[in-house]
Amino acid sequence: MGQVSRSAHIKGWARQAFVQRFSQNLESLYGLGFTYSMIPSLRDAYGDDKEGLKEALHRSMVTYITEPYYGAAINGMTVAMEEEKANGGDIDSDLITNTRLGLVGPFAGFGDSFHWGTIRPIVRAMFIPMATSGVLFGIFGDWIIWISAIVISWFTYWLGYRSGKTAILDLLQSGRIKLVTAAAGVVGMFMMGAMTSNYVALSTTLSLGSGDGAILLQSVFDSILPGLLPALLVLFSYLYLKKRGKFLNLLIIYCVIGVVGALFGIL
């Protein structure tokens, strides 16, 4: 029995951050990768207690799937609980398993929606225009996204280990997480609006009336809201995909509309 060394912590974190998702199966999803990331810490914690180590490895092999970088807090928390159990703490085996299973959902929801669903589009909206304009720095947008995720996983791992399950549950259930997510979502909507204005082009040549008194519909739309048609196009795409529509079908619809509109001179 003993304390988990810093080198074991680092090995476990690195396995979680870089190779945890290399293995996937229908029985435990990423449970094998999670177990692989836990091995260095469990060996330190249980030492010569082979039966205790075996039981801990079996506990790690249960179904596991979450966002891997923010979810590194679950690894840290599990290491802390296993370490306490190995040193005689009054921790039930089912508590370790059930706590981990109870946290994968919240961390998946927060990590996927915040980092990959909000931060990534914002960063890409900032860097794609630079890349398309020939600015070399524009190619580093995705590097920043992934490197920041890895850095975050380091801090969330130690948050889980040092704070334990109670602090993690309090953080997830507090209003602070919801506030940060909502604020980032608002910024993301602004960035998506800017990208729509710059990169989505849609206009119509239809007119009302004839001769000198004809009124172009496009001028009417522009007087209501410049870029109204591109905004409606993006809004329709969002709602369609949100209703589980298929991207390929949406692409075909737009291709057909574009061809027909061009043939009849209305787009």
C-alpha atoms as a PDB file:
ATOM      1  CA  MET A   1       0.000   0.000   0.000  1.00  0.00           C
ATOM      2  CA  GLY A   2       1.225   3.517  -0.605  1.00  0.00           C
ATOM      3  CA  GLN A   3       0.865   6.930  -2.105  1.00  0.00           C
ATOM      4  CA  VAL A   4       0.661   7.366  -5.866  1.00  0.00           C
ATOM      5  CA  SER A   5       3.906   8.897  -7.117  1.00  0.00           C
ATOM      6  CA  ARG A   6       3.969  12.003  -9.292  1.00  0.00           C
ATOM      7  CA  SER A   7       5.480  10.008 -12.167  1.00  0.00           C
ATOM      8  CA  ALA A   8       2.540   7.577 -12.004  1.00  0.00           C
ATOM      9  CA  HIS A   9       0.129  10.517 -12.058  1.00  0.00           C
ATOM     10  CA  ILE A  10       1.863  11.937 -15.126  1.00  0.00           C
ATOM     11  CA  LYS A  11       1.856   8.578 -16.921  1.00  0.00           C
ATOM     12  CA  GLY A  12      -1.815   8.070 -16.174  1.00  0.00           C
ATOM     13  CA  TRP A  13      -2.733  11.577 -17.307  1.00  0.00           C
ATOM     14  CA  ALA A  14      -0.718  11.219 -20.522  1.00  0.00           C
ATOM     15  CA  ARG A  15      -2.425   7.933 -21.347  1.00  0.00           C
ATOM     16  CA  GLN A  16      -5.808   9.544 -20.710  1.00  0.00           C
ATOM     17  CA  ALA A  17      -5.010  12.596 -22.838  1.00  0.00           C
ATOM     18  CA  PHE A  18      -3.317  10.899 -25.791  1.00  0.00           C
ATOM     19  CA  VAL A  19      -4.255   7.227 -26.140  1.00  0.00           C
ATOM     20  CA  GLN A  20      -7.401   6.594 -24.079  1.00  0.00           C
ATOM     21  CA  ARG A  21      -9.586   6.455 -27.182  1.00  0.00           C
ATOM     22  CA  PHE A  22      -7.296   4.209 -29.204  1.00  0.00           C
ATOM     23  CA  SER A  23      -9.340   1.212 -28.076  1.00  0.00           C
ATOM     24  CA  GLN A  24     -13.103   0.936 -28.395  1.00  0.00           C
ATOM     25  CA  ASN A  25     -15.395  -2.064 -28.077  1.00  0.00           C
ATOM     26  CA  LEU A  26     -19.111  -2.673 -27.773  1.00  0.00           C
ATOM     27  CA  GLU A  27     -18.819  -4.162 -24.283  1.00  0.00           C
ATOM     28  CA  SER A  28     -17.228  -1.249 -22.398  1.00  0.00           C
ATOM     29  CA  LEU A  29     -16.813   1.414 -25.137  1.00  0.00           C
ATOM     30  CA  TYR A  30     -13.647   3.208 -23.872  1.00  0.00           C
ATOM     31  CA  GLY A  31     -13.395   1.208 -20.665  1.00  0.00           C
ATOM     32  CA  LEU A  32     -10.201  -0.515 -21.808  1.00  0.00           C
ATOM     33  CA  GLY A  33      -8.530   2.830 -22.510  1.00  0.00           C
ATOM     34  CA  PHE A  34      -9.648   4.141 -19.120  1.00  0.00           C
ATOM     35  CA  THR A  35      -8.202   1.053 -17.439  1.00  0.00           C
ATOM     36  CA  TYR A  36      -4.918   1.506 -19.317  1.00  0.00           C
ATOM     37  CA  SER A  37      -4.692   5.080 -18.053  1.00  0.00           C
ATOM     38  CA  MET A  38      -5.320   3.919 -14.477  1.00  0.00           C
ATOM     39  CA  ILE A  39      -2.678   1.163 -14.359  1.00  0.00           C
ATOM     40  CA  PRO A  40       0.352   3.283 -13.246  1.00  0.00           C
ATOM     41  CA  SER A  41      -1.555   4.850 -10.339  1.00  0.00           C
ATOM     42  CA  LEU A  42      -3.221   1.604  -9.280  1.00  0.00           C
ATOM     43  CA  ARG A  43       0.133  -0.188  -9.185  1.00  0.00           C
ATOM     44  CA  ASP A  44       1.526   2.470  -6.867  1.00  0.00           C
ATOM     45  CA  ALA A  45      -1.572   2.523  -4.676  1.00  0.00           C
ATOM     46  CA  TYR A  46      -1.961  -1.218  -4.188  1.00  0.00           C
ATOM     47  CA  GLY A  47       1.710  -2.184  -4.256  1.00  0.00           C
ATOM     48  CA  ASP A  48       2.054  -5.880  -3.354  1.00  0.00           C
ATOM     49  CA  ASP A  49      -1.685  -6.351  -2.832  1.00  0.00           C
ATOM     50  CA  LYS A  50      -2.299  -8.348  -6.022  1.00  0.00           C
ATOM     51  CA  GLU A  51      -5.909  -9.141  -5.212  1.00  0.00           C
ATOM     52  CA  GLY A  52      -6.678  -5.504  -4.482  1.00  0.00           C
ATOM     53  CA  LEU A  53      -5.030  -4.475  -7.747  1.00  0.00           C
ATOM     54  CA  LYS A  54      -6.976  -7.104  -9.654  1.00  0.00           C
ATOM     55  CA  GLU A  55     -10.278  -5.904  -8.187  1.00  0.00           C
ATOM     56  CA  ALA A  56      -9.413  -2.279  -8.992  1.00  0.00           C
ATOM     57  CA  LEU A  57      -8.645  -3.186 -12.602  1.00  0.00           C
ATOM     58  CA  HIS A  58     -11.962  -4.997 -12.888  1.00  0.00           C
ATOM     59  CA  ARG A  59     -13.733  -1.909 -11.523  1.00  0.00           C
ATOM     60  CA  SER A  60     -12.052   0.199 -14.183  1.00  0.00           C
ATOM     61  CA  MET A  61     -13.257  -2.021 -17.019  1.00  0.00           C
ATOM     62  CA  VAL A  62     -16.926  -1.069 -16.727  1.00  0.00           C
ATOM     63  CA  THR A  63     -18.593   0.917 -19.500  1.00  0.00           C
ATOM     64  CA  TYR A  64     -16.937   4.307 -19.879  1.00  0.00           C
ATOM     65  CA  ILE A  65     -17.485   7.116 -22.364  1.00  0.00           C
ATOM     66  CA  THR A  66     -17.138  10.845 -21.781  1.00  0.00           C
ATOM     67  CA  GLU A  67     -15.384  13.907 -23.195  1.00  0.00           C
ATOM     68  CA  PRO A  68     -11.761  12.867 -22.585  1.00  0.00           C
ATOM     69  CA  TYR A  69     -10.144  16.217 -21.711  1.00  0.00           C
ATOM     70  CA  TYR A  70     -12.598  17.779 -19.294  1.00  0.00           C
ATOM     71  CA  GLY A  71     -13.440  14.222 -18.221  1.00  0.00           C
ATOM     72  CA  ALA A  72      -9.850  13.740 -17.015  1.00  0.00           C
ATOM     73  CA  ALA A  73     -11.228  14.977 -13.689  1.00  0.00           C
ATOM     74  CA  ILE A  74     -12.937  11.588 -13.402  1.00  0.00           C
ATOM     75  CA  ASN A  75      -9.540   9.890 -13.696  1.00  0.00           C
ATOM     76  CA  GLY A  76      -8.098  12.060 -10.946  1.00  0.00           C
ATOM     77  CA  MET A  77     -11.100  11.491  -8.709  1.00  0.00           C
ATOM     78  CA  THR A  78     -10.952   7.717  -9.260  1.00  0.00           C
ATOM     79  CA  VAL A  79      -7.237   7.650  -8.442  1.00  0.00           C
ATOM     80  CA  ALA A  80      -7.924   9.526  -5.186  1.00  0.00           C
ATOM     81  CA  MET A  81     -10.690   7.113  -4.187  1.00  0.00           C
ATOM     82  CA  GLU A  82      -8.678   4.009  -5.107  1.00  0.00           C
ATOM     83  CA  GLU A  83      -5.674   5.363  -3.223  1.00  0.00           C
ATOM     84  CA  GLU A  84      -7.767   5.909  -0.114  1.00  0.00           C
ATOM     85  CA  LYS A  85      -9.316   2.441  -0.411  1.00  0.00           C
ATOM     86  CA  ALA A  86      -5.897   0.825  -0.871  1.00  0.00           C
ATOM     87  CA  ASN A  87      -4.708   2.489   2.332  1.00  0.00           C
ATOM     88  CA  GLY A  88      -7.598   1.123   4.384  1.00  0.00           C
ATOM     89  CA  GLY A  89     -10.148   3.863   3.870  1.00  0.00           C
ATOM     90  CA  ASP A  90     -13.819   3.057   4.324  1.00  0.00           C
ATOM     91  CA  ILE A  91     -14.748   3.254   0.634  1.00  0.00           C
ATOM     92  CA  ASP A  92     -17.100   0.729  -0.887  1.00  0.00           C
ATOM     93  CA  SER A  93     -16.173  -0.676  -4.304  1.00  0.00           C
ATOM     94  CA  ASP A  94     -19.619   0.121  -5.658  1.00  0.00           C
ATOM     95  CA  LEU A  95     -19.200   3.760  -4.607  1.00  0.00           C
ATOM     96  CA  ILE A  96     -16.125   4.113  -6.828  1.00  0.00           C
ATOM     97  CA  THR A  97     -17.852   2.526  -9.810  1.00  0.00           C
ATOM     98  CA  ASN A  98     -21.162   4.327  -9.399  1.00  0.00           C
ATOM     99  CA  THR A  99     -19.549   7.719  -8.851  1.00  0.00           C
ATOM    100  CA  ARG A 100     -17.551   7.347 -12.047  1.00  0.00           C
ATOM    101  CA  LEU A 101     -20.613   6.219 -13.983  1.00  0.00           C
ATOM    102  CA  GLY A 102     -22.588   9.137 -12.586  1.00  0.00           C
ATOM    103  CA  LEU A 103     -20.032  11.706 -13.743  1.00  0.00           C
ATOM    104  CA  VAL A 104     -19.404  10.595 -17.327  1.00  0.00           C
ATOM    105  CA  GLY A 105     -22.677  12.092 -18.542  1.00  0.00           C
ATOM    106  CA  PRO A 106     -22.266  15.596 -17.041  1.00  0.00           C
ATOM    107  CA  PHE A 107     -18.656  15.873 -18.206  1.00  0.00           C
ATOM    108  CA  ALA A 108     -19.550  14.644 -21.688  1.00  0.00           C
ATOM    109  CA  GLY A 109     -22.361  17.170 -21.911  1.00  0.00           C
ATOM    110  CA  PHE A 110     -20.271  20.079 -20.672  1.00  0.00           C
ATOM    111  CA  GLY A 111     -17.035  19.247 -22.507  1.00  0.00           C
ATOM    112  CA  ASP A 112     -18.687  18.519 -25.848  1.00  0.00           C
ATOM    113  CA  SER A 113     -21.023  21.513 -25.793  1.00  0.00           C
ATOM    114  CA  PHE A 114     -18.571  24.037 -24.338  1.00  0.00           C
ATOM    115  CA  HIS A 115     -15.197  23.205 -25.882  1.00  0.00           C
ATOM    116  CA  TRP A 116     -16.125  21.447 -29.113  1.00  0.00           C
ATOM    117  CA  GLY A 117     -19.557  22.937 -29.730  1.00  0.00           C
ATOM    118  CA  THR A 118     -18.814  26.537 -28.719  1.00  0.00           C
ATOM    119  CA  ILE A 119     -15.108  27.324 -28.333  1.00  0.00           C
ATOM    120  CA  ARG A 120     -14.013  25.457 -31.469  1.00  0.00           C
ATOM    121  CA  PRO A 121     -16.429  27.314 -33.816  1.00  0.00           C
ATOM    122  CA  ILE A 122     -15.409  30.652 -32.255  1.00  0.00           C
ATOM    123  CA  VAL A 123     -11.692  29.964 -32.743  1.00  0.00           C
ATOM    124  CA  ARG A 124     -12.233  28.747 -36.294  1.00  0.00           C
ATOM    125  CA  ALA A 125     -14.322  31.821 -37.060  1.00  0.00           C
ATOM    126  CA  MET A 126     -11.341  33.928 -35.992  1.00  0.00           C
ATOM    127  CA  PHE A 127      -8.648  31.963 -37.829  1.00  0.00           C
ATOM    128  CA  ILE A 128     -10.332  30.808 -41.064  1.00  0.00           C
ATOM    129  CA  PRO A 129     -10.530  34.376 -42.475  1.00  0.00           C
ATOM    130  CA  MET A 130      -6.805  34.783 -41.796  1.00  0.00           C
ATOM    131  CA  ALA A 131      -6.009  31.484 -43.515  1.00  0.00           C
ATOM    132  CA  THR A 132      -8.133  32.301 -46.581  1.00  0.00           C
ATOM    133  CA  SER A 133      -6.450  35.712 -46.772  1.00  0.00           C
ATOM    134  CA  GLY A 134      -3.022  34.095 -46.887  1.00  0.00           C
ATOM    135  CA  VAL A 135      -1.986  34.968 -43.332  1.00  0.00           C
ATOM    136  CA  LEU A 136       0.279  32.162 -42.114  1.00  0.00           C
ATOM    137  CA  PHE A 137      -0.937  32.445 -38.516  1.00  0.00           C
ATOM    138  CA  GLY A 138      -4.390  31.364 -39.696  1.00  0.00           C
ATOM    139  CA  ILE A 139      -3.298  27.732 -39.952  1.00  0.00           C
ATOM    140  CA  PHE A 140      -2.794  27.480 -36.192  1.00  0.00           C
ATOM    141  CA  GLY A 141      -6.467  27.743 -35.235  1.00  0.00           C
ATOM    142  CA  ASP A 142      -7.023  24.009 -34.789  1.00  0.00           C
ATOM    143  CA  TRP A 143      -3.641  23.669 -33.091  1.00  0.00           C
ATOM    144  CA  ILE A 144      -4.838  26.113 -30.444  1.00  0.00           C
ATOM    145  CA  ILE A 145      -8.107  24.195 -30.031  1.00  0.00           C
ATOM    146  CA  TRP A 146      -6.404  20.841 -29.450  1.00  0.00           C
ATOM    147  CA  ILE A 147      -3.455  22.088 -27.403  1.00  0.00           C
ATOM    148  CA  SER A 148      -5.808  24.003 -25.115  1.00  0.00           C
ATOM    149  CA  ALA A 149      -7.867  20.821 -24.633  1.00  0.00           C
ATOM    150  CA  ILE A 150      -4.742  18.904 -23.593  1.00  0.00           C
ATOM    151  CA  VAL A 151      -3.705  21.672 -21.181  1.00  0.00           C
ATOM    152  CA  ILE A 152      -7.215  21.732 -19.725  1.00  0.00           C
ATOM    153  CA  SER A 153      -7.055  17.969 -19.184  1.00  0.00           C
ATOM    154  CA  TRP A 154      -3.947  18.436 -17.024  1.00  0.00           C
ATOM    155  CA  PHE A 155      -5.731  20.867 -14.718  1.00  0.00           C
ATOM    156  CA  THR A 156      -8.994  18.920 -14.615  1.00  0.00           C
ATOM    157  CA  TYR A 157      -7.084  15.739 -13.716  1.00  0.00           C
ATOM    158  CA  TRP A 158      -5.526  17.437 -10.699  1.00  0.00           C
ATOM    159  CA  LEU A 159      -8.834  19.076  -9.833  1.00  0.00           C
ATOM    160  CA  GLY A 160     -10.386  15.634  -9.627  1.00  0.00           C
ATOM    161  CA  TYR A 161      -7.521  14.164  -7.618  1.00  0.00           C
ATOM    162  CA  ARG A 162      -7.121  16.973  -5.094  1.00  0.00           C
ATOM    163  CA  SER A 163     -10.747  17.981  -4.716  1.00  0.00           C
ATOM    164  CA  GLY A 164     -12.411  14.590  -4.831  1.00  0.00           C
ATOM    165  CA  LYS A 165     -15.890  13.696  -5.884  1.00  0.00           C
ATOM    166  CA  THR A 166     -17.713  16.153  -3.598  1.00  0.00           C
ATOM    167  CA  ALA A 167     -16.081  19.247  -5.097  1.00  0.00           C
ATOM    168  CA  ILE A 168     -16.653  17.996  -8.640  1.00  0.00           C
ATOM    169  CA  LEU A 169     -20.323  17.370  -7.994  1.00  0.00           C
ATOM    170  CA  ASP A 170     -20.685  20.812  -6.403  1.00  0.00           C
ATOM    171  CA  LEU A 171     -19.020  22.439  -9.418  1.00  0.00           C
ATOM    172  CA  LEU A 172     -21.182  20.635 -11.937  1.00  0.00           C
ATOM    173  CA  GLN A 173     -24.368  21.396 -10.040  1.00  0.00           C
ATOM    174  CA  SER A 174     -23.573  25.063  -9.388  1.00  0.00           C
ATOM    175  CA  GLY A 175     -24.767  27.936 -11.533  1.00  0.00           C
ATOM    176  CA  ARG A 176     -21.204  28.899 -12.486  1.00  0.00           C
ATOM    177  CA  ILE A 177     -20.867  26.210 -15.138  1.00  0.00           C
ATOM    178  CA  LYS A 178     -24.204  27.163 -16.671  1.00  0.00           C
ATOM    179  CA  LEU A 179     -23.218  30.848 -16.672  1.00  0.00           C
ATOM    180  CA  VAL A 180     -19.914  30.211 -18.449  1.00  0.00           C
ATOM    181  CA  THR A 181     -21.590  27.962 -21.014  1.00  0.00           C
ATOM    182  CA  ALA A 182     -24.327  30.512 -21.699  1.00  0.00           C
ATOM    183  CA  ALA A 183     -21.829  33.374 -22.081  1.00  0.00           C
ATOM    184  CA  ALA A 184     -19.672  31.369 -24.474  1.00  0.00           C
ATOM    185  CA  GLY A 185     -22.787  30.419 -26.432  1.00  0.00           C
ATOM    186  CA  VAL A 186     -23.696  34.090 -26.897  1.00  0.00           C
ATOM    187  CA  VAL A 187     -20.202  34.878 -28.171  1.00  0.00           C
ATOM    188  CA  GLY A 188     -20.440  31.884 -30.484  1.00  0.00           C
ATOM    189  CA  MET A 189     -23.707  33.163 -31.943  1.00  0.00           C
ATOM    190  CA  PHE A 190     -22.091  36.532 -32.657  1.00  0.00           C
ATOM    191  CA  MET A 191     -19.198  34.800 -34.427  1.00  0.00           C
ATOM    192  CA  MET A 192     -21.555  32.624 -36.463  1.00  0.00           C
ATOM    193  CA  GLY A 193     -23.446  35.752 -37.497  1.00  0.00           C
ATOM    194  CA  ALA A 194     -20.223  37.387 -38.638  1.00  0.00           C
ATOM    195  CA  MET A 195     -19.214  34.295 -40.607  1.00  0.00           C
ATOM    196  CA  THR A 196     -22.665  34.130 -42.223  1.00  0.00           C
ATOM    197  CA  SER A 197     -22.348  37.737 -43.342  1.00  0.00           C
ATOM    198  CA  ASN A 198     -18.877  37.213 -44.794  1.00  0.00           C
ATOM    199  CA  TYR A 199     -19.074  33.743 -46.330  1.00  0.00           C
ATOM    200  CA  VAL A 200     -22.721  32.926 -47.189  1.00  0.00           C
ATOM    201  CA  ALA A 201     -23.858  34.570 -50.425  1.00  0.00           C
ATOM    202  CA  LEU A 202     -27.506  34.423 -51.483  1.00  0.00           C
ATOM    203  CA  SER A 203     -29.500  37.014 -53.405  1.00  0.00           C
ATOM    204  CA  THR A 204     -32.441  37.094 -55.800  1.00  0.00           C
ATOM    205  CA  THR A 205     -33.080  38.945 -59.055  1.00  0.00           C
ATOM    206  CA  LEU A 206     -36.867  38.741 -58.751  1.00  0.00           C
ATOM    207  CA  SER A 207     -38.748  42.012 -59.060  1.00  0.00           C
ATOM    208  CA  LEU A 208     -42.282  43.275 -58.494  1.00  0.00           C
ATOM    209  CA  GLY A 209     -43.896  45.188 -61.341  1.00  0.00           C
ATOM    210  CA  SER A 210     -42.284  46.079 -64.671  1.00  0.00           C
ATOM    211  CA  GLY A 211     -40.522  48.896 -66.401  1.00  0.00           C
ATOM    212  CA  ASP A 212     -39.266  51.884 -64.441  1.00  0.00           C
ATOM    213  CA  GLY A 213     -41.656  51.137 -61.598  1.00  0.00           C
ATOM    214  CA  ALA A 214     -40.272  47.649 -60.947  1.00  0.00           C
ATOM    215  CA  ILE A 215     -39.099  47.010 -57.401  1.00  0.00           C
ATOM    216  CA  LEU A 216     -36.293  44.540 -56.826  1.00  0.00           C
ATOM    217  CA  LEU A 217     -37.134  42.111 -54.046  1.00  0.00           C
ATOM    218  CA  GLN A 218     -33.486  42.055 -53.024  1.00  0.00           C
ATOM    219  CA  SER A 219     -33.585  45.799 -52.287  1.00  0.00           C
ATOM    220  CA  VAL A 220     -36.675  45.229 -50.140  1.00  0.00           C
ATOM    221  CA  PHE A 221     -34.898  42.473 -48.196  1.00  0.00           C
ATOM    222  CA  ASP A 222     -31.822  44.684 -47.761  1.00  0.00           C
ATOM    223  CA  SER A 223     -33.962  47.525 -46.421  1.00  0.00           C
ATOM    224  CA  ILE A 224     -35.465  45.175 -43.842  1.00  0.00           C
ATOM    225  CA  LEU A 225     -32.176  43.566 -42.820  1.00  0.00           C
ATOM    226  CA  PRO A 226     -28.958  43.431 -44.868  1.00  0.00           C
ATOM    227  CA  GLY A 227     -28.011  39.790 -45.358  1.00  0.00           C
ATOM    228  CA  LEU A 228     -31.515  38.569 -44.558  1.00  0.00           C
ATOM    229  CA  LEU A 229     -31.529  35.745 -47.131  1.00  0.00           C
ATOM    230  CA  PRO A 230     -28.151  34.290 -46.040  1.00  0.00           C
ATOM    231  CA  ALA A 231     -29.305  34.470 -42.405  1.00  0.00           C
ATOM    232  CA  LEU A 232     -32.538  32.639 -43.229  1.00  0.00           C
ATOM    233  CA  LEU A 233     -30.565  30.031 -45.165  1.00  0.00           C
ATOM    234  CA  VAL A 234     -28.269  29.355 -42.205  1.00  0.00           C
ATOM    235  CA  LEU A 235     -31.230  29.312 -39.803  1.00  0.00           C
ATOM    236  CA  PHE A 236     -33.061  26.772 -41.958  1.00  0.00           C
ATOM    237  CA  SER A 237     -29.918  24.610 -42.148  1.00  0.00           C
ATOM    238  CA  TYR A 238     -29.517  24.740 -38.366  1.00  0.00           C
ATOM    239  CA  LEU A 239     -33.130  23.798 -37.686  1.00  0.00           C
ATOM    240  CA  TYR A 240     -33.042  21.009 -40.273  1.00  0.00           C
ATOM    241  CA  LEU A 241     -29.892  19.448 -38.847  1.00  0.00           C
ATOM    242  CA  LYS A 242     -31.172  19.911 -35.285  1.00  0.00           C
ATOM    243  CA  LYS A 243     -34.200  17.799 -36.250  1.00  0.00           C
ATOM    244  CA  ARG A 244     -31.714  15.044 -37.159  1.00  0.00           C
ATOM    245  CA  GLY A 245     -31.853  15.831 -40.849  1.00  0.00           C
ATOM    246  CA  LYS A 246     -29.042  14.408 -42.956  1.00  0.00           C
ATOM    247  CA  PHE A 247     -26.317  16.721 -44.187  1.00  0.00           C
ATOM    248  CA  LEU A 248     -26.170  14.968 -47.576  1.00  0.00           C
ATOM    249  CA  ASN A 249     -29.893  15.566 -48.128  1.00  0.00           C
ATOM    250  CA  LEU A 250     -29.453  19.228 -47.235  1.00  0.00           C
ATOM    251  CA  LEU A 251     -26.585  19.526 -49.689  1.00  0.00           C
ATOM    252  CA  ILE A 252     -28.664  17.955 -52.467  1.00  0.00           C
ATOM    253  CA  ILE A 253     -31.577  20.313 -51.722  1.00  0.00           C
ATOM    254  CA  TYR A 254     -29.332  23.356 -51.986  1.00  0.00           C
ATOM    255  CA  CYS A 255     -27.725  22.101 -55.196  1.00  0.00           C
ATOM    256  CA  VAL A 256     -31.147  21.575 -56.794  1.00  0.00           C
ATOM    257  CA  ILE A 257     -32.384  24.997 -55.643  1.00  0.00           C
ATOM    258  CA  GLY A 258     -29.220  26.636 -56.947  1.00  0.00           C
ATOM    259  CA  VAL A 259     -29.426  24.985 -60.367  1.00  0.00           C
ATOM    260  CA  VAL A 260     -33.164  25.648 -60.785  1.00  0.00           C
ATOM    261  CA  GLY A 261     -32.774  29.226 -59.562  1.00  0.00           C
ATOM    262  CA  ALA A 262     -29.949  29.874 -62.005  1.00  0.00           C
ATOM    263  CA  LEU A 263     -31.844  28.322 -64.945  1.00  0.00           C
ATOM    264  CA  PHE A 264     -34.899  30.506 -64.321  1.00  0.00           C
ATOM    265  CA  GLY A 265     -32.842  33.576 -63.484  1.00  0.00           C
ATOM    266  CA  ILE A 266     -34.201  34.083 -60.000  1.00  0.00           C
ATOM    267  CA  LEU A 267     -30.971  33.535 -58.075  1.00  0.00           C
END
